[in-house]
Amino acid sequence: MGAALKNPARLLNAPPTEAETELARDSSRRLGPTLADLFVPNGGDAASRGVEISVHVPGKSGIETLTIPASALRLLGTILTEMAQGNVITLTPIHAELTTKQAAVLLNVSRPFVCKLLDNGEIPHRKVGRHRRVRYVDLMEYKKRTDEARYRDLDELVEQAQELGMGY
């Protein structure tokens, strides 16, 4: 068993090593055409069916063939692409409850700002003792609302700039 599997926290807390980055880059490049074949227009419903993958662990005999959802293979492709760029990957279950610090990181704002949003009722939350917990889906709904408002405002500014002949 590899060192990364013996210490799963390492997968979550540290950027990939140079060797992992290079391996992810090669794997992502090789997986790319397969992912593209899954999503050919008018190619049927291949994206909604399962795909077969074969797994061989060095030092073990045999090859295990698995059928996984195509969406899981797409996720694997995304993970490999991010690892190839040296990024840390975090997966969050949709039903997860987050701390205010985790919510702040996801929104790229300060923790006190998140607390103010919670206190103002802009994001639903619950209290566990003295601590607040925010559901991931509620946080993403807030983010979606604010992003949509930001894009509407930006479109309005562009329209005004065009009306004023500002060259935009």
Protein backbone atom coordinates (compact mmCIF):
# COMPACT_ATOMS: atom_id res chain seq x y z
CA MET A 1 0.00 0.00 0.00
CA GLY A 2 1.38 3.41 -0.98
CA ALA A 3 2.32 6.01 1.58
CA ALA A 4 -0.51 8.29 0.43
CA LEU A 5 -3.10 5.60 1.16
CA LYS A 6 -1.62 4.90 4.59
CA ASN A 7 -2.01 8.58 5.41
CA PRO A 8 -5.25 9.85 3.82
CA ALA A 9 -4.86 13.25 5.52
CA ARG A 10 -1.86 13.83 3.26
CA LEU A 11 -4.19 13.67 0.27
CA LEU A 12 -6.23 16.53 1.67
CA ASN A 13 -3.63 18.82 3.18
CA ALA A 14 -0.61 18.93 0.93
CA PRO A 15 0.00 19.81 -2.69
CA PRO A 16 0.95 16.89 -4.91
CA THR A 17 4.62 15.99 -5.09
CA GLU A 18 6.55 16.58 -8.32
CA ALA A 19 6.28 12.86 -9.14
CA GLU A 20 2.50 12.92 -8.54
CA THR A 21 2.15 16.08 -10.63
CA GLU A 22 4.00 14.50 -13.56
CA LEU A 23 2.04 11.26 -13.29
CA ALA A 24 -1.24 13.22 -13.12
CA ARG A 25 -0.20 15.26 -16.18
CA ASP A 26 0.50 12.11 -18.20
CA SER A 27 -2.68 10.38 -17.00
CA SER A 28 -4.82 13.43 -17.72
CA ARG A 29 -3.39 13.71 -21.22
CA ARG A 30 -4.08 10.02 -21.89
CA LEU A 31 -7.59 10.13 -20.39
CA GLY A 32 -8.60 13.25 -22.33
CA PRO A 33 -9.53 11.54 -25.64
CA THR A 34 -11.62 8.95 -23.78
CA LEU A 35 -13.54 11.69 -21.99
CA ALA A 36 -14.06 13.52 -25.29
CA ASP A 37 -15.46 10.33 -26.89
CA LEU A 38 -18.06 10.08 -24.13
CA PHE A 39 -19.57 13.43 -25.01
CA VAL A 40 -19.77 13.47 -28.79
CA PRO A 41 -22.90 15.35 -29.96
CA ASN A 42 -25.60 12.94 -31.12
CA GLY A 43 -23.49 10.13 -29.75
CA GLY A 44 -26.38 8.65 -27.84
CA ASP A 45 -26.56 8.57 -24.10
CA ALA A 46 -23.01 7.34 -23.46
CA ALA A 47 -22.57 10.03 -20.82
CA SER A 48 -25.47 8.64 -18.78
CA ARG A 49 -24.29 5.02 -18.93
CA GLY A 50 -21.55 3.40 -16.96
CA VAL A 51 -18.05 3.06 -18.34
CA GLU A 52 -15.69 0.17 -17.74
CA ILE A 53 -12.25 0.83 -16.38
CA SER A 54 -9.49 -1.65 -15.61
CA VAL A 55 -7.32 -1.31 -12.54
CA HIS A 56 -4.00 -3.01 -11.96
CA VAL A 57 -2.09 -2.42 -8.75
CA PRO A 58 1.65 -3.02 -9.21
CA GLY A 59 2.78 -5.96 -7.11
CA LYS A 60 -0.68 -7.53 -7.14
CA SER A 61 -1.78 -10.18 -9.59
CA GLY A 62 -4.69 -9.67 -11.91
CA ILE A 63 -6.65 -6.76 -13.28
CA GLU A 64 -9.91 -5.62 -11.75
CA THR A 65 -12.54 -4.36 -14.20
CA LEU A 66 -15.09 -1.95 -12.77
CA THR A 67 -18.14 -0.24 -14.20
CA ILE A 68 -18.40 3.31 -12.90
CA PRO A 69 -20.70 6.22 -13.77
CA ALA A 70 -19.39 8.37 -16.61
CA SER A 71 -19.69 11.36 -14.25
CA ALA A 72 -17.19 9.67 -11.91
CA LEU A 73 -14.75 9.31 -14.81
CA ARG A 74 -15.25 13.01 -15.63
CA LEU A 75 -14.51 13.83 -11.98
CA LEU A 76 -11.34 11.73 -12.14
CA GLY A 77 -10.30 13.69 -15.24
CA THR A 78 -10.87 16.98 -13.39
CA ILE A 79 -8.89 15.76 -10.38
CA LEU A 80 -5.97 14.69 -12.59
CA THR A 81 -6.00 18.05 -14.41
CA GLU A 82 -5.89 19.95 -11.12
CA MET A 83 -3.16 17.71 -9.69
CA ALA A 84 -1.15 18.19 -12.89
CA GLN A 85 -1.21 21.92 -12.14
CA GLY A 86 0.01 21.28 -8.58
CA ASN A 87 -3.32 22.11 -6.95
CA VAL A 88 -4.71 20.58 -3.78
CA ILE A 89 -8.04 18.83 -4.33
CA THR A 90 -10.92 18.92 -1.85
CA LEU A 91 -14.18 17.07 -2.34
CA THR A 92 -17.19 18.25 -0.36
CA PRO A 93 -20.29 16.06 -0.07
CA ILE A 94 -23.39 18.03 -1.03
CA HIS A 95 -25.03 17.37 2.35
CA ALA A 96 -21.99 18.46 4.34
CA GLU A 97 -22.22 21.04 7.09
CA LEU A 98 -19.38 23.52 7.17
CA THR A 99 -17.83 25.67 9.84
CA THR A 100 -17.79 29.43 9.33
CA LYS A 101 -14.08 29.17 8.54
CA GLN A 102 -14.68 26.55 5.84
CA ALA A 103 -17.53 28.63 4.40
CA ALA A 104 -15.27 31.69 4.30
CA VAL A 105 -12.59 29.76 2.41
CA LEU A 106 -15.12 28.55 -0.17
CA LEU A 107 -16.49 32.08 -0.68
CA ASN A 108 -13.00 33.62 -0.58
CA VAL A 109 -14.05 36.08 2.14
CA SER A 110 -13.21 36.56 5.79
CA ARG A 111 -14.80 34.49 8.57
CA PRO A 112 -16.27 37.63 10.24
CA PHE A 113 -17.93 38.52 6.91
CA VAL A 114 -19.54 35.06 6.79
CA CYS A 115 -20.71 35.50 10.40
CA LYS A 116 -22.32 38.81 9.43
CA LEU A 117 -24.10 37.11 6.50
CA LEU A 118 -25.40 34.44 8.87
CA ASP A 119 -26.51 36.99 11.48
CA ASN A 120 -28.34 38.99 8.77
CA GLY A 121 -30.16 35.87 7.59
CA GLU A 122 -28.62 35.91 4.12
CA ILE A 123 -27.45 32.30 4.50
CA PRO A 124 -29.41 29.77 6.57
CA HIS A 125 -27.48 28.09 9.36
CA ARG A 126 -27.92 26.22 12.61
CA LYS A 127 -26.10 26.33 15.89
CA VAL A 128 -24.29 23.42 17.48
CA GLY A 129 -23.60 24.69 20.98
CA ARG A 130 -21.97 28.06 20.41
CA HIS A 131 -20.80 27.16 16.90
CA ARG A 132 -22.59 27.87 13.64
CA ARG A 133 -22.91 25.28 10.88
CA VAL A 134 -23.77 26.09 7.28
CA ARG A 135 -25.04 23.50 4.83
CA TYR A 136 -22.92 23.32 1.68
CA VAL A 137 -26.02 23.53 -0.54
CA ASP A 138 -27.16 26.72 1.23
CA LEU A 139 -23.72 28.25 0.81
CA MET A 140 -23.68 27.39 -2.91
CA GLU A 141 -27.19 28.84 -3.32
CA TYR A 142 -25.98 32.11 -1.75
CA LYS A 143 -22.95 32.09 -4.05
CA LYS A 144 -25.16 31.50 -7.08
CA ARG A 145 -27.44 34.41 -6.12
CA THR A 146 -24.55 36.81 -5.59
CA ASP A 147 -22.80 35.71 -8.81
CA GLU A 148 -26.01 36.24 -10.80
CA ALA A 149 -26.47 39.70 -9.27
CA ARG A 150 -22.85 40.56 -10.01
CA TYR A 151 -23.24 39.51 -13.67
CA ARG A 152 -26.48 41.52 -13.99
CA ASP A 153 -24.72 44.59 -12.59
CA LEU A 154 -21.77 44.07 -14.92
CA ASP A 155 -24.08 43.73 -17.94
CA GLU A 156 -25.80 46.96 -16.93
CA LEU A 157 -22.46 48.77 -16.66
CA VAL A 158 -21.40 47.50 -20.08
CA GLU A 159 -24.72 48.64 -21.56
CA GLN A 160 -24.30 52.11 -20.02
CA ALA A 161 -20.72 52.34 -21.31
CA GLN A 162 -21.88 51.45 -24.82
CA GLU A 163 -24.68 54.05 -24.68
CA LEU A 164 -22.14 56.67 -23.61
CA GLY A 165 -19.76 55.65 -26.42
CA MET A 166 -16.94 54.73 -24.06
CA GLY A 167 -15.53 52.16 -26.47
CA TYR A 168 -16.47 49.02 -24.54
